[in-house]
Amino acid sequence: FKNEVLPGHFETQDFVYENGIIDY
């Protein structure tokens, strides 16, 4: 997820669960 907070400036978050629902 890339969120533009200022013109041309983005805050980035990654979401990943290698083993899916058991990790969650």
mmCIF file of all heavy atoms, coordinates in Angstrom:
data_MODEL
# 
_entry.id   MODEL 
# 
loop_
_atom_site.group_PDB 
_atom_site.id 
_atom_site.type_symbol 
_atom_site.label_atom_id 
_atom_site.label_alt_id 
_atom_site.label_comp_id 
_atom_site.label_asym_id 
_atom_site.label_entity_id 
_atom_site.label_seq_id 
_atom_site.pdbx_PDB_ins_code 
_atom_site.Cartn_x 
_atom_site.Cartn_y 
_atom_site.Cartn_z 
_atom_site.occupancy 
_atom_site.B_iso_or_equiv 
_atom_site.pdbx_formal_charge 
_atom_site.auth_seq_id 
_atom_site.auth_comp_id 
_atom_site.auth_asym_id 
_atom_site.auth_atom_id 
_atom_site.pdbx_PDB_model_num 
ATOM 1   N N   . PHE A 1 1  ? 0.845  -1.200  0.000  1.00 0.00 ? 1  PHE A N   1 
ATOM 2   C CA  . PHE A 1 1  ? 0.000  0.000   0.000  1.00 0.00 ? 1  PHE A CA  1 
ATOM 3   C C   . PHE A 1 1  ? 0.878  1.246   0.000  1.00 0.00 ? 1  PHE A C   1 
ATOM 4   O O   . PHE A 1 1  ? 1.701  1.433   0.893  1.00 0.00 ? 1  PHE A O   1 
ATOM 5   C CB  . PHE A 1 1  ? -0.908 -0.002  1.230  1.00 0.00 ? 1  PHE A CB  1 
ATOM 6   C CG  . PHE A 1 1  ? -1.753 1.244   1.354  1.00 0.00 ? 1  PHE A CG  1 
ATOM 7   C CD1 . PHE A 1 1  ? -2.450 1.752   0.267  1.00 0.00 ? 1  PHE A CD1 1 
ATOM 8   C CD2 . PHE A 1 1  ? -1.858 1.902   2.571  1.00 0.00 ? 1  PHE A CD2 1 
ATOM 9   C CE1 . PHE A 1 1  ? -3.224 2.901   0.382  1.00 0.00 ? 1  PHE A CE1 1 
ATOM 10  C CE2 . PHE A 1 1  ? -2.633 3.051   2.703  1.00 0.00 ? 1  PHE A CE2 1 
ATOM 11  C CZ  . PHE A 1 1  ? -3.311 3.549   1.601  1.00 0.00 ? 1  PHE A CZ  1 
ATOM 12  N N   . LYS A 1 2  ? 0.690  2.060   -1.010 1.00 0.00 ? 2  LYS A N   1 
ATOM 13  C CA  . LYS A 1 2  ? 1.419  3.325   -1.117 1.00 0.00 ? 2  LYS A CA  1 
ATOM 14  C C   . LYS A 1 2  ? 0.411  4.458   -0.962 1.00 0.00 ? 2  LYS A C   1 
ATOM 15  O O   . LYS A 1 2  ? -0.536 4.570   -1.742 1.00 0.00 ? 2  LYS A O   1 
ATOM 16  C CB  . LYS A 1 2  ? 2.139  3.422   -2.466 1.00 0.00 ? 2  LYS A CB  1 
ATOM 17  C CG  . LYS A 1 2  ? 3.233  2.379   -2.652 1.00 0.00 ? 2  LYS A CG  1 
ATOM 18  C CD  . LYS A 1 2  ? 3.816  2.429   -4.056 1.00 0.00 ? 2  LYS A CD  1 
ATOM 19  C CE  . LYS A 1 2  ? 4.566  3.727   -4.292 1.00 0.00 ? 2  LYS A CE  1 
ATOM 20  N NZ  . LYS A 1 2  ? 5.192  3.738   -5.645 1.00 0.00 ? 2  LYS A NZ  1 
ATOM 21  N N   . ASN A 1 3  ? 0.625  5.284   0.062  1.00 0.00 ? 3  ASN A N   1 
ATOM 22  C CA  . ASN A 1 3  ? -0.297 6.361   0.377  1.00 0.00 ? 3  ASN A CA  1 
ATOM 23  C C   . ASN A 1 3  ? 0.400  7.704   0.175  1.00 0.00 ? 3  ASN A C   1 
ATOM 24  O O   . ASN A 1 3  ? 1.390  8.010   0.854  1.00 0.00 ? 3  ASN A O   1 
ATOM 25  C CB  . ASN A 1 3  ? -0.783 6.225   1.825  1.00 0.00 ? 3  ASN A CB  1 
ATOM 26  C CG  . ASN A 1 3  ? -1.828 7.249   2.188  1.00 0.00 ? 3  ASN A CG  1 
ATOM 27  O OD1 . ASN A 1 3  ? -2.559 7.739   1.321  1.00 0.00 ? 3  ASN A OD1 1 
ATOM 28  N ND2 . ASN A 1 3  ? -1.918 7.598   3.457  1.00 0.00 ? 3  ASN A ND2 1 
ATOM 29  N N   . GLU A 1 4  ? -0.094 8.505   -0.762 1.00 0.00 ? 4  GLU A N   1 
ATOM 30  C CA  . GLU A 1 4  ? 0.512  9.813   -1.031 1.00 0.00 ? 4  GLU A CA  1 
ATOM 31  C C   . GLU A 1 4  ? 0.061  10.790  0.062  1.00 0.00 ? 4  GLU A C   1 
ATOM 32  O O   . GLU A 1 4  ? -1.106 11.179  0.130  1.00 0.00 ? 4  GLU A O   1 
ATOM 33  C CB  . GLU A 1 4  ? 0.094  10.329  -2.409 1.00 0.00 ? 4  GLU A CB  1 
ATOM 34  C CG  . GLU A 1 4  ? 0.863  11.578  -2.823 1.00 0.00 ? 4  GLU A CG  1 
ATOM 35  C CD  . GLU A 1 4  ? 0.516  12.056  -4.225 1.00 0.00 ? 4  GLU A CD  1 
ATOM 36  O OE1 . GLU A 1 4  ? -0.615 11.777  -4.684 1.00 0.00 ? 4  GLU A OE1 1 
ATOM 37  O OE2 . GLU A 1 4  ? 1.361  12.705  -4.852 1.00 0.00 ? 4  GLU A OE2 1 
ATOM 38  N N   . VAL A 1 5  ? 0.998  11.195  0.923  1.00 0.00 ? 5  VAL A N   1 
ATOM 39  C CA  . VAL A 1 5  ? 0.681  12.082  2.040  1.00 0.00 ? 5  VAL A CA  1 
ATOM 40  C C   . VAL A 1 5  ? 1.036  13.535  1.730  1.00 0.00 ? 5  VAL A C   1 
ATOM 41  O O   . VAL A 1 5  ? 0.462  14.461  2.304  1.00 0.00 ? 5  VAL A O   1 
ATOM 42  C CB  . VAL A 1 5  ? 1.393  11.617  3.319  1.00 0.00 ? 5  VAL A CB  1 
ATOM 43  C CG1 . VAL A 1 5  ? 0.795  10.297  3.808  1.00 0.00 ? 5  VAL A CG1 1 
ATOM 44  C CG2 . VAL A 1 5  ? 2.896  11.455  3.106  1.00 0.00 ? 5  VAL A CG2 1 
ATOM 45  N N   . LEU A 1 6  ? 2.012  13.739  0.852  1.00 0.00 ? 6  LEU A N   1 
ATOM 46  C CA  . LEU A 1 6  ? 2.385  15.041  0.317  1.00 0.00 ? 6  LEU A CA  1 
ATOM 47  C C   . LEU A 1 6  ? 2.621  14.851  -1.175 1.00 0.00 ? 6  LEU A C   1 
ATOM 48  O O   . LEU A 1 6  ? 2.900  13.729  -1.611 1.00 0.00 ? 6  LEU A O   1 
ATOM 49  C CB  . LEU A 1 6  ? 3.649  15.578  0.995  1.00 0.00 ? 6  LEU A CB  1 
ATOM 50  C CG  . LEU A 1 6  ? 3.538  15.952  2.491  1.00 0.00 ? 6  LEU A CG  1 
ATOM 51  C CD1 . LEU A 1 6  ? 4.919  16.222  3.076  1.00 0.00 ? 6  LEU A CD1 1 
ATOM 52  C CD2 . LEU A 1 6  ? 2.615  17.146  2.697  1.00 0.00 ? 6  LEU A CD2 1 
ATOM 53  N N   . PRO A 1 7  ? 2.489  15.900  -1.983 1.00 0.00 ? 7  PRO A N   1 
ATOM 54  C CA  . PRO A 1 7  ? 2.700  15.718  -3.425 1.00 0.00 ? 7  PRO A CA  1 
ATOM 55  C C   . PRO A 1 7  ? 4.022  15.028  -3.735 1.00 0.00 ? 7  PRO A C   1 
ATOM 56  O O   . PRO A 1 7  ? 5.097  15.515  -3.377 1.00 0.00 ? 7  PRO A O   1 
ATOM 57  C CB  . PRO A 1 7  ? 2.683  17.153  -3.951 1.00 0.00 ? 7  PRO A CB  1 
ATOM 58  C CG  . PRO A 1 7  ? 1.820  17.891  -2.982 1.00 0.00 ? 7  PRO A CG  1 
ATOM 59  C CD  . PRO A 1 7  ? 2.106  17.275  -1.635 1.00 0.00 ? 7  PRO A CD  1 
ATOM 60  N N   . GLY A 1 8  ? 3.932  13.841  -4.357 1.00 0.00 ? 8  GLY A N   1 
ATOM 61  C CA  . GLY A 1 8  ? 5.129  13.090  -4.721 1.00 0.00 ? 8  GLY A CA  1 
ATOM 62  C C   . GLY A 1 8  ? 5.768  12.317  -3.589 1.00 0.00 ? 8  GLY A C   1 
ATOM 63  O O   . GLY A 1 8  ? 6.771  11.622  -3.799 1.00 0.00 ? 8  GLY A O   1 
ATOM 64  N N   . HIS A 1 9  ? 5.210  12.400  -2.378 1.00 0.00 ? 9  HIS A N   1 
ATOM 65  C CA  . HIS A 1 9  ? 5.790  11.699  -1.229 1.00 0.00 ? 9  HIS A CA  1 
ATOM 66  C C   . HIS A 1 9  ? 4.808  10.625  -0.747 1.00 0.00 ? 9  HIS A C   1 
ATOM 67  O O   . HIS A 1 9  ? 3.667  10.929  -0.413 1.00 0.00 ? 9  HIS A O   1 
ATOM 68  C CB  . HIS A 1 9  ? 6.094  12.672  -0.085 1.00 0.00 ? 9  HIS A CB  1 
ATOM 69  C CG  . HIS A 1 9  ? 6.669  12.000  1.136  1.00 0.00 ? 9  HIS A CG  1 
ATOM 70  N ND1 . HIS A 1 9  ? 7.929  11.446  1.154  1.00 0.00 ? 9  HIS A ND1 1 
ATOM 71  C CD2 . HIS A 1 9  ? 6.133  11.776  2.361  1.00 0.00 ? 9  HIS A CD2 1 
ATOM 72  C CE1 . HIS A 1 9  ? 8.154  10.922  2.351  1.00 0.00 ? 9  HIS A CE1 1 
ATOM 73  N NE2 . HIS A 1 9  ? 7.088  11.118  3.096  1.00 0.00 ? 9  HIS A NE2 1 
ATOM 74  N N   . PHE A 1 10 ? 5.276  9.363   -0.701 1.00 0.00 ? 10 PHE A N   1 
ATOM 75  C CA  . PHE A 1 10 ? 4.406  8.240   -0.377 1.00 0.00 ? 10 PHE A CA  1 
ATOM 76  C C   . PHE A 1 10 ? 4.902  7.512   0.873  1.00 0.00 ? 10 PHE A C   1 
ATOM 77  O O   . PHE A 1 10 ? 6.105  7.308   1.052  1.00 0.00 ? 10 PHE A O   1 
ATOM 78  C CB  . PHE A 1 10 ? 4.373  7.235   -1.536 1.00 0.00 ? 10 PHE A CB  1 
ATOM 79  C CG  . PHE A 1 10 ? 3.788  7.805   -2.804 1.00 0.00 ? 10 PHE A CG  1 
ATOM 80  C CD1 . PHE A 1 10 ? 4.600  8.495   -3.701 1.00 0.00 ? 10 PHE A CD1 1 
ATOM 81  C CD2 . PHE A 1 10 ? 2.456  7.648   -3.099 1.00 0.00 ? 10 PHE A CD2 1 
ATOM 82  C CE1 . PHE A 1 10 ? 4.078  9.014   -4.873 1.00 0.00 ? 10 PHE A CE1 1 
ATOM 83  C CE2 . PHE A 1 10 ? 1.922  8.161   -4.269 1.00 0.00 ? 10 PHE A CE2 1 
ATOM 84  C CZ  . PHE A 1 10 ? 2.726  8.854   -5.159 1.00 0.00 ? 10 PHE A CZ  1 
ATOM 85  N N   . GLU A 1 11 ? 3.957  7.127   1.721  1.00 0.00 ? 11 GLU A N   1 
ATOM 86  C CA  . GLU A 1 11 ? 4.243  6.203   2.825  1.00 0.00 ? 11 GLU A CA  1 
ATOM 87  C C   . GLU A 1 11 ? 3.849  4.804   2.361  1.00 0.00 ? 11 GLU A C   1 
ATOM 88  O O   . GLU A 1 11 ? 2.785  4.613   1.771  1.00 0.00 ? 11 GLU A O   1 
ATOM 89  C CB  . GLU A 1 11 ? 3.449  6.585   4.067  1.00 0.00 ? 11 GLU A CB  1 
ATOM 90  C CG  . GLU A 1 11 ? 3.916  7.884   4.701  1.00 0.00 ? 11 GLU A CG  1 
ATOM 91  C CD  . GLU A 1 11 ? 3.111  8.237   5.951  1.00 0.00 ? 11 GLU A CD  1 
ATOM 92  O OE1 . GLU A 1 11 ? 2.062  7.581   6.185  1.00 0.00 ? 11 GLU A OE1 1 
ATOM 93  O OE2 . GLU A 1 11 ? 3.517  9.160   6.669  1.00 0.00 ? 11 GLU A OE2 1 
ATOM 94  N N   . THR A 1 12 ? 4.727  3.815   2.624  1.00 0.00 ? 12 THR A N   1 
ATOM 95  C CA  . THR A 1 12 ? 4.520  2.464   2.087  1.00 0.00 ? 12 THR A CA  1 
ATOM 96  C C   . THR A 1 12 ? 4.411  1.441   3.209  1.00 0.00 ? 12 THR A C   1 
ATOM 97  O O   . THR A 1 12 ? 5.186  1.467   4.168  1.00 0.00 ? 12 THR A O   1 
ATOM 98  C CB  . THR A 1 12 ? 5.676  2.084   1.151  1.00 0.00 ? 12 THR A CB  1 
ATOM 99  O OG1 . THR A 1 12 ? 5.761  3.035   0.088  1.00 0.00 ? 12 THR A OG1 1 
ATOM 100 C CG2 . THR A 1 12 ? 5.456  0.709   0.544  1.00 0.00 ? 12 THR A CG2 1 
ATOM 101 N N   . GLN A 1 13 ? 3.429  0.548   3.087  1.00 0.00 ? 13 GLN A N   1 
ATOM 102 C CA  . GLN A 1 13 ? 3.254  -0.574  4.002  1.00 0.00 ? 13 GLN A CA  1 
ATOM 103 C C   . GLN A 1 13 ? 3.122  -1.859  3.202  1.00 0.00 ? 13 GLN A C   1 
ATOM 104 O O   . GLN A 1 13 ? 2.434  -1.876  2.176  1.00 0.00 ? 13 GLN A O   1 
ATOM 105 C CB  . GLN A 1 13 ? 1.989  -0.409  4.850  1.00 0.00 ? 13 GLN A CB  1 
ATOM 106 C CG  . GLN A 1 13 ? 2.070  0.601   5.969  1.00 0.00 ? 13 GLN A CG  1 
ATOM 107 C CD  . GLN A 1 13 ? 0.736  0.680   6.708  1.00 0.00 ? 13 GLN A CD  1 
ATOM 108 O OE1 . GLN A 1 13 ? -0.137 1.450   6.349  1.00 0.00 ? 13 GLN A OE1 1 
ATOM 109 N NE2 . GLN A 1 13 ? 0.571  -0.138  7.734  1.00 0.00 ? 13 GLN A NE2 1 
ATOM 110 N N   . ASP A 1 14 ? 3.771  -2.917  3.668  1.00 0.00 ? 14 ASP A N   1 
ATOM 111 C CA  . ASP A 1 14 ? 3.630  -4.235  3.051  1.00 0.00 ? 14 ASP A CA  1 
ATOM 112 C C   . ASP A 1 14 ? 2.857  -5.158  3.983  1.00 0.00 ? 14 ASP A C   1 
ATOM 113 O O   . ASP A 1 14 ? 3.057  -5.148  5.210  1.00 0.00 ? 14 ASP A O   1 
ATOM 114 C CB  . ASP A 1 14 ? 5.001  -4.854  2.767  1.00 0.00 ? 14 ASP A CB  1 
ATOM 115 C CG  . ASP A 1 14 ? 5.643  -4.282  1.507  1.00 0.00 ? 14 ASP A CG  1 
ATOM 116 O OD1 . ASP A 1 14 ? 5.019  -3.407  0.882  1.00 0.00 ? 14 ASP A OD1 1 
ATOM 117 O OD2 . ASP A 1 14 ? 6.767  -4.691  1.173  1.00 0.00 ? 14 ASP A OD2 1 
ATOM 118 N N   . PHE A 1 15 ? 1.982  -5.964  3.400  1.00 0.00 ? 15 PHE A N   1 
ATOM 119 C CA  . PHE A 1 15 ? 1.220  -6.948  4.155  1.00 0.00 ? 15 PHE A CA  1 
ATOM 120 C C   . PHE A 1 15 ? 1.459  -8.318  3.525  1.00 0.00 ? 15 PHE A C   1 
ATOM 121 O O   . PHE A 1 15 ? 1.193  -8.514  2.336  1.00 0.00 ? 15 PHE A O   1 
ATOM 122 C CB  . PHE A 1 15 ? -0.280 -6.625  4.116  1.00 0.00 ? 15 PHE A CB  1 
ATOM 123 C CG  . PHE A 1 15 ? -0.617 -5.252  4.628  1.00 0.00 ? 15 PHE A CG  1 
ATOM 124 C CD1 . PHE A 1 15 ? -0.644 -4.168  3.769  1.00 0.00 ? 15 PHE A CD1 1 
ATOM 125 C CD2 . PHE A 1 15 ? -0.882 -5.045  5.974  1.00 0.00 ? 15 PHE A CD2 1 
ATOM 126 C CE1 . PHE A 1 15 ? -0.945 -2.898  4.235  1.00 0.00 ? 15 PHE A CE1 1 
ATOM 127 C CE2 . PHE A 1 15 ? -1.189 -3.778  6.456  1.00 0.00 ? 15 PHE A CE2 1 
ATOM 128 C CZ  . PHE A 1 15 ? -1.213 -2.700  5.578  1.00 0.00 ? 15 PHE A CZ  1 
ATOM 129 N N   . VAL A 1 16 ? 1.954  -9.254  4.315  1.00 0.00 ? 16 VAL A N   1 
ATOM 130 C CA  . VAL A 1 16 ? 2.196  -10.604 3.815  1.00 0.00 ? 16 VAL A CA  1 
ATOM 131 C C   . VAL A 1 16 ? 2.166  -11.580 4.984  1.00 0.00 ? 16 VAL A C   1 
ATOM 132 O O   . VAL A 1 16 ? 2.708  -11.296 6.056  1.00 0.00 ? 16 VAL A O   1 
ATOM 133 C CB  . VAL A 1 16 ? 3.542  -10.703 3.046  1.00 0.00 ? 16 VAL A CB  1 
ATOM 134 C CG1 . VAL A 1 16 ? 4.717  -10.331 3.926  1.00 0.00 ? 16 VAL A CG1 1 
ATOM 135 C CG2 . VAL A 1 16 ? 3.726  -12.101 2.459  1.00 0.00 ? 16 VAL A CG2 1 
ATOM 136 N N   . TYR A 1 17 ? 1.495  -12.710 4.809  1.00 0.00 ? 17 TYR A N   1 
ATOM 137 C CA  . TYR A 1 17 ? 1.464  -13.800 5.778  1.00 0.00 ? 17 TYR A CA  1 
ATOM 138 C C   . TYR A 1 17 ? 1.904  -15.055 5.034  1.00 0.00 ? 17 TYR A C   1 
ATOM 139 O O   . TYR A 1 17 ? 1.140  -15.597 4.218  1.00 0.00 ? 17 TYR A O   1 
ATOM 140 C CB  . TYR A 1 17 ? 0.065  -13.981 6.372  1.00 0.00 ? 17 TYR A CB  1 
ATOM 141 C CG  . TYR A 1 17 ? -0.341 -12.873 7.316  1.00 0.00 ? 17 TYR A CG  1 
ATOM 142 C CD1 . TYR A 1 17 ? -0.875 -11.687 6.832  1.00 0.00 ? 17 TYR A CD1 1 
ATOM 143 C CD2 . TYR A 1 17 ? -0.167 -13.007 8.697  1.00 0.00 ? 17 TYR A CD2 1 
ATOM 144 C CE1 . TYR A 1 17 ? -1.246 -10.658 7.687  1.00 0.00 ? 17 TYR A CE1 1 
ATOM 145 C CE2 . TYR A 1 17 ? -0.538 -11.992 9.563  1.00 0.00 ? 17 TYR A CE2 1 
ATOM 146 C CZ  . TYR A 1 17 ? -1.074 -10.814 9.050  1.00 0.00 ? 17 TYR A CZ  1 
ATOM 147 O OH  . TYR A 1 17 ? -1.434 -9.797  9.913  1.00 0.00 ? 17 TYR A OH  1 
ATOM 148 N N   . GLU A 1 18 ? 3.114  -15.498 5.303  1.00 0.00 ? 18 GLU A N   1 
ATOM 149 C CA  . GLU A 1 18 ? 3.683  -16.617 4.545  1.00 0.00 ? 18 GLU A CA  1 
ATOM 150 C C   . GLU A 1 18 ? 2.851  -17.889 4.680  1.00 0.00 ? 18 GLU A C   1 
ATOM 151 O O   . GLU A 1 18 ? 2.732  -18.663 3.735  1.00 0.00 ? 18 GLU A O   1 
ATOM 152 C CB  . GLU A 1 18 ? 5.126  -16.878 4.986  1.00 0.00 ? 18 GLU A CB  1 
ATOM 153 C CG  . GLU A 1 18 ? 6.113  -15.779 4.589  1.00 0.00 ? 18 GLU A CG  1 
ATOM 154 C CD  . GLU A 1 18 ? 6.236  -15.600 3.078  1.00 0.00 ? 18 GLU A CD  1 
ATOM 155 O OE1 . GLU A 1 18 ? 5.907  -16.554 2.329  1.00 0.00 ? 18 GLU A OE1 1 
ATOM 156 O OE2 . GLU A 1 18 ? 6.637  -14.509 2.645  1.00 0.00 ? 18 GLU A OE2 1 
ATOM 157 N N   . ASN A 1 19 ? 2.304  -18.115 5.873  1.00 0.00 ? 19 ASN A N   1 
ATOM 158 C CA  . ASN A 1 19 ? 1.510  -19.320 6.108  1.00 0.00 ? 19 ASN A CA  1 
ATOM 159 C C   . ASN A 1 19 ? 0.019  -19.018 6.223  1.00 0.00 ? 19 ASN A C   1 
ATOM 160 O O   . ASN A 1 19 ? -0.751 -19.848 6.713  1.00 0.00 ? 19 ASN A O   1 
ATOM 161 C CB  . ASN A 1 19 ? 2.002  -20.038 7.365  1.00 0.00 ? 19 ASN A CB  1 
ATOM 162 C CG  . ASN A 1 19 ? 3.457  -20.465 7.247  1.00 0.00 ? 19 ASN A CG  1 
ATOM 163 O OD1 . ASN A 1 19 ? 3.821  -21.216 6.344  1.00 0.00 ? 19 ASN A OD1 1 
ATOM 164 N ND2 . ASN A 1 19 ? 4.298  -19.959 8.137  1.00 0.00 ? 19 ASN A ND2 1 
ATOM 165 N N   . GLY A 1 20 ? -0.379 -17.852 5.804  1.00 0.00 ? 20 GLY A N   1 
ATOM 166 C CA  . GLY A 1 20 ? -1.793 -17.517 5.741  1.00 0.00 ? 20 GLY A CA  1 
ATOM 167 C C   . GLY A 1 20 ? -2.488 -17.408 7.079  1.00 0.00 ? 20 GLY A C   1 
ATOM 168 O O   . GLY A 1 20 ? -1.986 -16.806 8.031  1.00 0.00 ? 20 GLY A O   1 
ATOM 169 N N   . ILE A 1 21 ? -3.674 -18.028 7.199  1.00 0.00 ? 21 ILE A N   1 
ATOM 170 C CA  . ILE A 1 21 ? -4.548 -17.790 8.341  1.00 0.00 ? 21 ILE A CA  1 
ATOM 171 C C   . ILE A 1 21 ? -3.987 -18.304 9.660  1.00 0.00 ? 21 ILE A C   1 
ATOM 172 O O   . ILE A 1 21 ? -4.301 -17.753 10.719 1.00 0.00 ? 21 ILE A O   1 
ATOM 173 C CB  . ILE A 1 21 ? -5.952 -18.383 8.102  1.00 0.00 ? 21 ILE A CB  1 
ATOM 174 C CG1 . ILE A 1 21 ? -5.899 -19.889 7.849  1.00 0.00 ? 21 ILE A CG1 1 
ATOM 175 C CG2 . ILE A 1 21 ? -6.646 -17.677 6.951  1.00 0.00 ? 21 ILE A CG2 1 
ATOM 176 C CD1 . ILE A 1 21 ? -7.286 -20.529 7.707  1.00 0.00 ? 21 ILE A CD1 1 
ATOM 177 N N   . ILE A 1 22 ? -3.129 -19.329 9.665  1.00 0.00 ? 22 ILE A N   1 
ATOM 178 C CA  . ILE A 1 22 ? -2.579 -19.820 10.935 1.00 0.00 ? 22 ILE A CA  1 
ATOM 179 C C   . ILE A 1 22 ? -1.610 -18.792 11.521 1.00 0.00 ? 22 ILE A C   1 
ATOM 180 O O   . ILE A 1 22 ? -1.586 -18.580 12.741 1.00 0.00 ? 22 ILE A O   1 
ATOM 181 C CB  . ILE A 1 22 ? -1.902 -21.212 10.761 1.00 0.00 ? 22 ILE A CB  1 
ATOM 182 C CG1 . ILE A 1 22 ? -1.452 -21.769 12.113 1.00 0.00 ? 22 ILE A CG1 1 
ATOM 183 C CG2 . ILE A 1 22 ? -0.756 -21.146 9.781  1.00 0.00 ? 22 ILE A CG2 1 
ATOM 184 C CD1 . ILE A 1 22 ? -2.585 -22.040 13.084 1.00 0.00 ? 22 ILE A CD1 1 
ATOM 185 N N   . ASP A 1 23 ? -0.852 -18.117 10.681 1.00 0.00 ? 23 ASP A N   1 
ATOM 186 C CA  . ASP A 1 23 ? 0.021  -17.041 11.173 1.00 0.00 ? 23 ASP A CA  1 
ATOM 187 C C   . ASP A 1 23 ? -0.803 -15.897 11.743 1.00 0.00 ? 23 ASP A C   1 
ATOM 188 O O   . ASP A 1 23 ? -0.442 -15.282 12.754 1.00 0.00 ? 23 ASP A O   1 
ATOM 189 C CB  . ASP A 1 23 ? 0.908  -16.512 10.042 1.00 0.00 ? 23 ASP A CB  1 
ATOM 190 C CG  . ASP A 1 23 ? 2.049  -17.456 9.696  1.00 0.00 ? 23 ASP A CG  1 
ATOM 191 O OD1 . ASP A 1 23 ? 2.233  -18.450 10.430 1.00 0.00 ? 23 ASP A OD1 1 
ATOM 192 O OD2 . ASP A 1 23 ? 2.751  -17.210 8.694  1.00 0.00 ? 23 ASP A OD2 1 
ATOM 193 N N   . TYR A 1 24 ? -1.908 -15.615 11.101 1.00 0.00 ? 24 TYR A N   1 
ATOM 194 C CA  . TYR A 1 24 ? -2.773 -14.507 11.534 1.00 0.00 ? 24 TYR A CA  1 
ATOM 195 C C   . TYR A 1 24 ? -3.417 -14.812 12.887 1.00 0.00 ? 24 TYR A C   1 
ATOM 196 O O   . TYR A 1 24 ? -3.435 -13.962 13.788 1.00 0.00 ? 24 TYR A O   1 
ATOM 197 C CB  . TYR A 1 24 ? -3.836 -14.284 10.468 1.00 0.00 ? 24 TYR A CB  1 
ATOM 198 C CG  . TYR A 1 24 ? -4.829 -13.189 10.763 1.00 0.00 ? 24 TYR A CG  1 
ATOM 199 C CD1 . TYR A 1 24 ? -4.410 -11.919 11.132 1.00 0.00 ? 24 TYR A CD1 1 
ATOM 200 C CD2 . TYR A 1 24 ? -6.203 -13.429 10.647 1.00 0.00 ? 24 TYR A CD2 1 
ATOM 201 C CE1 . TYR A 1 24 ? -5.330 -10.909 11.392 1.00 0.00 ? 24 TYR A CE1 1 
ATOM 202 C CE2 . TYR A 1 24 ? -7.126 -12.426 10.895 1.00 0.00 ? 24 TYR A CE2 1 
ATOM 203 C CZ  . TYR A 1 24 ? -6.683 -11.173 11.265 1.00 0.00 ? 24 TYR A CZ  1 
ATOM 204 O OH  . TYR A 1 24 ? -7.594 -10.176 11.516 1.00 0.00 ? 24 TYR A OH  1 
# 
